[in-house]
Amino acid sequence: MLTTRPKVAELTFQLYGRPLHPELFEIYRSRCVDRGNYQAKIDITSAGHVITWRSGHCTLTEVAAAAGNPLPKTRRLLCHRLRGEHRDLHRCRHAVYQMNFQLETAEPDIFWAIQQDLLRDAQRSGLGYSFNGGGRMALGAFSCIHVETRDRSLLLQAFHTFPEDLAIVKTQSLFELADVVCEA
């Protein structure tokens, strides 16, 4: 289990067709969503986030974590290093999952302004967590996830800052019910 935030260069973005054990992650903040047609658990972790979405017999779990985190390979549907920008799509029997992520670096003054904006925004409308500053950094990393629910879909926008690298990871994920039941 990770106890500190990893370097941004060590991150991966993965999708599983199954739930993952919460013991695999250090969870700092959580939120549950129940819309009748689906349920979701959204966790902010030391490296990023874990989102577990369920509808009927279908479970999809999205993970932004360190590559060295001991995650299973069983029923892993997607795996990407968090570099640059990437989009992907996965269809299972009755659900569609779409994602995109991007890794941006910024000059120090711009990075700190963005982090302050994220802090203010999360206090108003999102699920957020401020990590303690370590070493020479007065302010620590910050993660926030904005959740938008609809009857047949869940849209999440996540922002994770990495002050030591002056980097920001931005992800957007859409879990959407199709017309049939998923068995992935």
C-alpha atoms as a PDB file:
ATOM      1  CA  MET A   1       0.000   0.000   0.000  1.00  0.00           C
ATOM      2  CA  LEU A   2       1.274   3.458  -0.871  1.00  0.00           C
ATOM      3  CA  THR A   3       1.693   5.887   1.998  1.00  0.00           C
ATOM      4  CA  THR A   4       2.836   8.969   0.068  1.00  0.00           C
ATOM      5  CA  ARG A   5       1.896  10.440  -3.274  1.00  0.00           C
ATOM      6  CA  PRO A   6       4.032   8.924  -6.040  1.00  0.00           C
ATOM      7  CA  LYS A   7       5.831  10.851  -8.755  1.00  0.00           C
ATOM      8  CA  VAL A   8       3.491  11.721 -11.602  1.00  0.00           C
ATOM      9  CA  ALA A   9       5.701   9.738 -14.031  1.00  0.00           C
ATOM     10  CA  GLU A  10       4.782   6.540 -12.135  1.00  0.00           C
ATOM     11  CA  LEU A  11       1.023   6.781 -12.673  1.00  0.00           C
ATOM     12  CA  THR A  12      -1.240   4.429 -14.616  1.00  0.00           C
ATOM     13  CA  PHE A  13      -4.897   4.620 -15.564  1.00  0.00           C
ATOM     14  CA  GLN A  14      -6.703   1.265 -15.517  1.00  0.00           C
ATOM     15  CA  LEU A  15     -10.181  -0.175 -15.952  1.00  0.00           C
ATOM     16  CA  TYR A  16     -11.342  -3.488 -14.495  1.00  0.00           C
ATOM     17  CA  GLY A  17     -14.459  -5.529 -15.125  1.00  0.00           C
ATOM     18  CA  ARG A  18     -14.704  -6.337 -11.414  1.00  0.00           C
ATOM     19  CA  PRO A  19     -14.465  -4.677  -8.002  1.00  0.00           C
ATOM     20  CA  LEU A  20     -11.051  -4.311  -6.346  1.00  0.00           C
ATOM     21  CA  HIS A  21     -10.333  -4.806  -2.649  1.00  0.00           C
ATOM     22  CA  PRO A  22     -10.262  -1.466  -0.793  1.00  0.00           C
ATOM     23  CA  GLU A  23      -7.219  -2.737   1.161  1.00  0.00           C
ATOM     24  CA  LEU A  24      -5.167  -2.189  -2.004  1.00  0.00           C
ATOM     25  CA  PHE A  25      -5.491   1.588  -1.588  1.00  0.00           C
ATOM     26  CA  GLU A  26      -5.019   4.279   1.005  1.00  0.00           C
ATOM     27  CA  ILE A  27      -8.384   6.046   0.849  1.00  0.00           C
ATOM     28  CA  TYR A  28      -8.663   9.643   2.078  1.00  0.00           C
ATOM     29  CA  ARG A  29     -12.177  10.680   1.076  1.00  0.00           C
ATOM     30  CA  SER A  30     -15.207   8.828  -0.327  1.00  0.00           C
ATOM     31  CA  ARG A  31     -18.642   9.448  -1.729  1.00  0.00           C
ATOM     32  CA  CYS A  32     -21.386   6.999  -2.683  1.00  0.00           C
ATOM     33  CA  VAL A  33     -24.015   7.547  -5.379  1.00  0.00           C
ATOM     34  CA  ASP A  34     -27.213   5.515  -5.769  1.00  0.00           C
ATOM     35  CA  ARG A  35     -29.436   6.408  -8.732  1.00  0.00           C
ATOM     36  CA  GLY A  36     -31.616   3.273  -8.749  1.00  0.00           C
ATOM     37  CA  ASN A  37     -30.290   2.015 -12.092  1.00  0.00           C
ATOM     38  CA  TYR A  38     -26.677   2.104 -10.863  1.00  0.00           C
ATOM     39  CA  GLN A  39     -24.539   2.653  -7.791  1.00  0.00           C
ATOM     40  CA  ALA A  40     -21.043   4.099  -7.569  1.00  0.00           C
ATOM     41  CA  LYS A  41     -18.372   4.527  -4.935  1.00  0.00           C
ATOM     42  CA  ILE A  42     -15.856   7.287  -5.562  1.00  0.00           C
ATOM     43  CA  ASP A  43     -12.613   7.300  -3.557  1.00  0.00           C
ATOM     44  CA  ILE A  44      -9.738   9.761  -3.474  1.00  0.00           C
ATOM     45  CA  THR A  45      -6.547   7.799  -2.848  1.00  0.00           C
ATOM     46  CA  SER A  46      -2.903   8.627  -2.242  1.00  0.00           C
ATOM     47  CA  ALA A  47      -2.097   8.368  -5.961  1.00  0.00           C
ATOM     48  CA  GLY A  48      -5.372   9.466  -7.537  1.00  0.00           C
ATOM     49  CA  HIS A  49      -8.745   7.778  -7.364  1.00  0.00           C
ATOM     50  CA  VAL A  50     -10.788   4.584  -7.511  1.00  0.00           C
ATOM     51  CA  ILE A  51     -14.296   4.625  -8.966  1.00  0.00           C
ATOM     52  CA  THR A  52     -16.413   1.498  -8.667  1.00  0.00           C
ATOM     53  CA  TRP A  53     -19.611   1.595 -10.759  1.00  0.00           C
ATOM     54  CA  ARG A  54     -22.255  -1.144 -10.541  1.00  0.00           C
ATOM     55  CA  SER A  55     -25.427  -1.859 -12.473  1.00  0.00           C
ATOM     56  CA  GLY A  56     -27.069  -5.261 -12.207  1.00  0.00           C
ATOM     57  CA  HIS A  57     -24.360  -7.883 -12.679  1.00  0.00           C
ATOM     58  CA  CYS A  58     -21.946  -5.383 -14.237  1.00  0.00           C
ATOM     59  CA  THR A  59     -19.109  -3.854 -12.235  1.00  0.00           C
ATOM     60  CA  LEU A  60     -16.539  -1.505 -13.725  1.00  0.00           C
ATOM     61  CA  THR A  61     -13.682  -0.122 -11.637  1.00  0.00           C
ATOM     62  CA  GLU A  62     -11.522   2.775 -12.795  1.00  0.00           C
ATOM     63  CA  VAL A  63      -8.197   3.305 -11.062  1.00  0.00           C
ATOM     64  CA  ALA A  64      -5.625   6.084 -11.271  1.00  0.00           C
ATOM     65  CA  ALA A  65      -2.712   4.630  -9.296  1.00  0.00           C
ATOM     66  CA  ALA A  66       1.045   4.194  -9.216  1.00  0.00           C
ATOM     67  CA  ALA A  67       2.414   1.589 -11.608  1.00  0.00           C
ATOM     68  CA  GLY A  68       4.153  -0.083  -8.654  1.00  0.00           C
ATOM     69  CA  ASN A  69       0.888  -0.490  -6.728  1.00  0.00           C
ATOM     70  CA  PRO A  70       0.232  -4.258  -6.609  1.00  0.00           C
ATOM     71  CA  LEU A  71      -3.003  -4.408  -8.596  1.00  0.00           C
ATOM     72  CA  PRO A  72      -4.353  -7.628 -10.106  1.00  0.00           C
ATOM     73  CA  LYS A  73      -4.283  -8.347 -13.821  1.00  0.00           C
ATOM     74  CA  THR A  74      -7.396 -10.515 -13.714  1.00  0.00           C
ATOM     75  CA  ARG A  75     -10.228  -8.905 -15.699  1.00  0.00           C
ATOM     76  CA  ARG A  76      -8.205  -5.766 -16.379  1.00  0.00           C
ATOM     77  CA  LEU A  77      -9.813  -4.221 -19.464  1.00  0.00           C
ATOM     78  CA  LEU A  78      -7.614  -1.153 -20.052  1.00  0.00           C
ATOM     79  CA  CYS A  79      -4.214  -0.017 -18.847  1.00  0.00           C
ATOM     80  CA  HIS A  80      -2.404   3.173 -19.881  1.00  0.00           C
ATOM     81  CA  ARG A  81       0.554   5.085 -18.505  1.00  0.00           C
ATOM     82  CA  LEU A  82      -0.560   8.593 -17.556  1.00  0.00           C
ATOM     83  CA  ARG A  83       1.420  10.550 -20.124  1.00  0.00           C
ATOM     84  CA  GLY A  84       0.274  13.274 -22.465  1.00  0.00           C
ATOM     85  CA  GLU A  85      -3.345  12.934 -23.506  1.00  0.00           C
ATOM     86  CA  HIS A  86      -5.352   9.790 -24.187  1.00  0.00           C
ATOM     87  CA  ARG A  87      -8.957   8.755 -24.925  1.00  0.00           C
ATOM     88  CA  ASP A  88     -10.476   5.304 -24.779  1.00  0.00           C
ATOM     89  CA  LEU A  89     -13.815   3.541 -24.954  1.00  0.00           C
ATOM     90  CA  HIS A  90     -14.956   0.196 -23.611  1.00  0.00           C
ATOM     91  CA  ARG A  91     -18.296  -1.437 -24.350  1.00  0.00           C
ATOM     92  CA  CYS A  92     -19.677  -4.313 -22.414  1.00  0.00           C
ATOM     93  CA  ARG A  93     -22.999  -5.992 -22.894  1.00  0.00           C
ATOM     94  CA  HIS A  94     -25.173  -3.231 -21.449  1.00  0.00           C
ATOM     95  CA  ALA A  95     -22.851  -0.396 -20.509  1.00  0.00           C
ATOM     96  CA  VAL A  96     -20.504   1.984 -22.229  1.00  0.00           C
ATOM     97  CA  TYR A  97     -17.451   3.470 -20.546  1.00  0.00           C
ATOM     98  CA  GLN A  98     -15.632   6.446 -22.029  1.00  0.00           C
ATOM     99  CA  MET A  99     -12.578   8.141 -20.611  1.00  0.00           C
ATOM    100  CA  ASN A 100      -9.982  10.696 -21.417  1.00  0.00           C
ATOM    101  CA  PHE A 101      -7.061  11.971 -19.437  1.00  0.00           C
ATOM    102  CA  GLN A 102      -4.321  14.480 -19.841  1.00  0.00           C
ATOM    103  CA  LEU A 103      -1.180  15.293 -17.943  1.00  0.00           C
ATOM    104  CA  GLU A 104      -0.142  18.943 -17.964  1.00  0.00           C
ATOM    105  CA  THR A 105       2.820  20.688 -16.438  1.00  0.00           C
ATOM    106  CA  ALA A 106       2.864  24.398 -15.674  1.00  0.00           C
ATOM    107  CA  GLU A 107       5.173  27.175 -14.589  1.00  0.00           C
ATOM    108  CA  PRO A 108       5.175  27.519 -10.772  1.00  0.00           C
ATOM    109  CA  ASP A 109       2.990  30.648 -10.575  1.00  0.00           C
ATOM    110  CA  ILE A 110       0.402  29.168 -12.955  1.00  0.00           C
ATOM    111  CA  PHE A 111       0.462  25.808 -11.154  1.00  0.00           C
ATOM    112  CA  TRP A 112      -0.217  27.436  -7.758  1.00  0.00           C
ATOM    113  CA  ALA A 113      -3.013  29.584  -9.207  1.00  0.00           C
ATOM    114  CA  ILE A 114      -4.661  26.489 -10.707  1.00  0.00           C
ATOM    115  CA  GLN A 115      -4.322  24.625  -7.413  1.00  0.00           C
ATOM    116  CA  GLN A 116      -5.948  27.522  -5.523  1.00  0.00           C
ATOM    117  CA  ASP A 117      -8.820  27.586  -8.058  1.00  0.00           C
ATOM    118  CA  LEU A 118      -9.320  23.837  -7.601  1.00  0.00           C
ATOM    119  CA  LEU A 119      -9.365  24.212  -3.811  1.00  0.00           C
ATOM    120  CA  ARG A 120     -12.056  26.914  -3.980  1.00  0.00           C
ATOM    121  CA  ASP A 121     -14.091  25.013  -6.558  1.00  0.00           C
ATOM    122  CA  ALA A 122     -13.998  21.752  -4.567  1.00  0.00           C
ATOM    123  CA  GLN A 123     -15.242  23.538  -1.460  1.00  0.00           C
ATOM    124  CA  ARG A 124     -18.337  24.610  -3.394  1.00  0.00           C
ATOM    125  CA  SER A 125     -19.199  21.648  -5.537  1.00  0.00           C
ATOM    126  CA  GLY A 126     -16.853  18.686  -5.376  1.00  0.00           C
ATOM    127  CA  LEU A 127     -15.285  15.923  -3.394  1.00  0.00           C
ATOM    128  CA  GLY A 128     -11.821  17.137  -2.441  1.00  0.00           C
ATOM    129  CA  TYR A 129      -8.818  16.338  -0.299  1.00  0.00           C
ATOM    130  CA  SER A 130      -5.727  18.426   0.541  1.00  0.00           C
ATOM    131  CA  PHE A 131      -2.604  16.404   1.251  1.00  0.00           C
ATOM    132  CA  ASN A 132      -0.031  17.666   3.742  1.00  0.00           C
ATOM    133  CA  GLY A 133       2.920  19.510   2.227  1.00  0.00           C
ATOM    134  CA  GLY A 134       6.137  17.592   2.480  1.00  0.00           C
ATOM    135  CA  GLY A 135       9.753  18.556   2.205  1.00  0.00           C
ATOM    136  CA  ARG A 136      10.249  21.985   0.661  1.00  0.00           C
ATOM    137  CA  MET A 137       6.615  22.364  -0.485  1.00  0.00           C
ATOM    138  CA  ALA A 138       4.474  24.502   1.840  1.00  0.00           C
ATOM    139  CA  LEU A 139       1.243  23.361   0.199  1.00  0.00           C
ATOM    140  CA  GLY A 140       0.656  19.720  -0.476  1.00  0.00           C
ATOM    141  CA  ALA A 141      -0.963  17.970  -3.373  1.00  0.00           C
ATOM    142  CA  PHE A 142      -4.685  18.263  -3.927  1.00  0.00           C
ATOM    143  CA  SER A 143      -7.321  16.007  -5.473  1.00  0.00           C
ATOM    144  CA  CYS A 144     -10.897  16.811  -6.339  1.00  0.00           C
ATOM    145  CA  ILE A 145     -13.611  14.957  -8.198  1.00  0.00           C
ATOM    146  CA  HIS A 146     -16.747  16.554  -9.586  1.00  0.00           C
ATOM    147  CA  VAL A 147     -19.688  14.185  -9.897  1.00  0.00           C
ATOM    148  CA  GLU A 148     -22.648  14.647 -12.223  1.00  0.00           C
ATOM    149  CA  THR A 149     -25.420  12.053 -12.041  1.00  0.00           C
ATOM    150  CA  ARG A 150     -28.212  11.345 -14.492  1.00  0.00           C
ATOM    151  CA  ASP A 151     -30.752   8.507 -14.550  1.00  0.00           C
ATOM    152  CA  ARG A 152     -28.677   6.488 -17.025  1.00  0.00           C
ATOM    153  CA  SER A 153     -25.170   7.921 -16.660  1.00  0.00           C
ATOM    154  CA  LEU A 154     -22.470   9.086 -14.292  1.00  0.00           C
ATOM    155  CA  LEU A 155     -19.956  11.734 -15.378  1.00  0.00           C
ATOM    156  CA  LEU A 156     -16.850  12.378 -13.300  1.00  0.00           C
ATOM    157  CA  GLN A 157     -14.146  14.985 -13.716  1.00  0.00           C
ATOM    158  CA  ALA A 158     -11.076  14.461 -11.544  1.00  0.00           C
ATOM    159  CA  PHE A 159      -8.120  16.755 -10.947  1.00  0.00           C
ATOM    160  CA  HIS A 160      -4.996  15.604  -9.130  1.00  0.00           C
ATOM    161  CA  THR A 161      -2.072  17.958  -8.504  1.00  0.00           C
ATOM    162  CA  PHE A 162       1.542  16.930  -8.027  1.00  0.00           C
ATOM    163  CA  PRO A 163       3.422  19.974  -6.647  1.00  0.00           C
ATOM    164  CA  GLU A 164       6.877  18.379  -6.754  1.00  0.00           C
ATOM    165  CA  ASP A 165       6.454  17.881 -10.505  1.00  0.00           C
ATOM    166  CA  LEU A 166       4.341  21.039 -11.086  1.00  0.00           C
ATOM    167  CA  ALA A 167       1.911  18.668 -12.804  1.00  0.00           C
ATOM    168  CA  ILE A 168      -1.852  18.328 -12.984  1.00  0.00           C
ATOM    169  CA  VAL A 169      -3.649  15.159 -14.013  1.00  0.00           C
ATOM    170  CA  LYS A 170      -7.118  15.785 -15.450  1.00  0.00           C
ATOM    171  CA  THR A 171      -9.486  12.904 -16.129  1.00  0.00           C
ATOM    172  CA  GLN A 172     -13.033  12.689 -17.391  1.00  0.00           C
ATOM    173  CA  SER A 173     -15.006   9.456 -17.201  1.00  0.00           C
ATOM    174  CA  LEU A 174     -18.495   8.579 -18.361  1.00  0.00           C
ATOM    175  CA  PHE A 175     -20.273   5.415 -17.220  1.00  0.00           C
ATOM    176  CA  GLU A 176     -23.447   4.993 -19.224  1.00  0.00           C
ATOM    177  CA  LEU A 177     -26.192   2.384 -19.250  1.00  0.00           C
ATOM    178  CA  ALA A 178     -26.908   0.809 -22.601  1.00  0.00           C
ATOM    179  CA  ASP A 179     -30.136  -1.055 -23.404  1.00  0.00           C
ATOM    180  CA  VAL A 180     -29.101  -4.501 -22.091  1.00  0.00           C
ATOM    181  CA  VAL A 181     -27.447  -5.890 -18.930  1.00  0.00           C
ATOM    182  CA  CYS A 182     -23.642  -5.960 -18.725  1.00  0.00           C
ATOM    183  CA  GLU A 183     -21.808  -9.170 -17.840  1.00  0.00           C
ATOM    184  CA  ALA A 184     -18.202  -7.946 -18.208  1.00  0.00           C
END
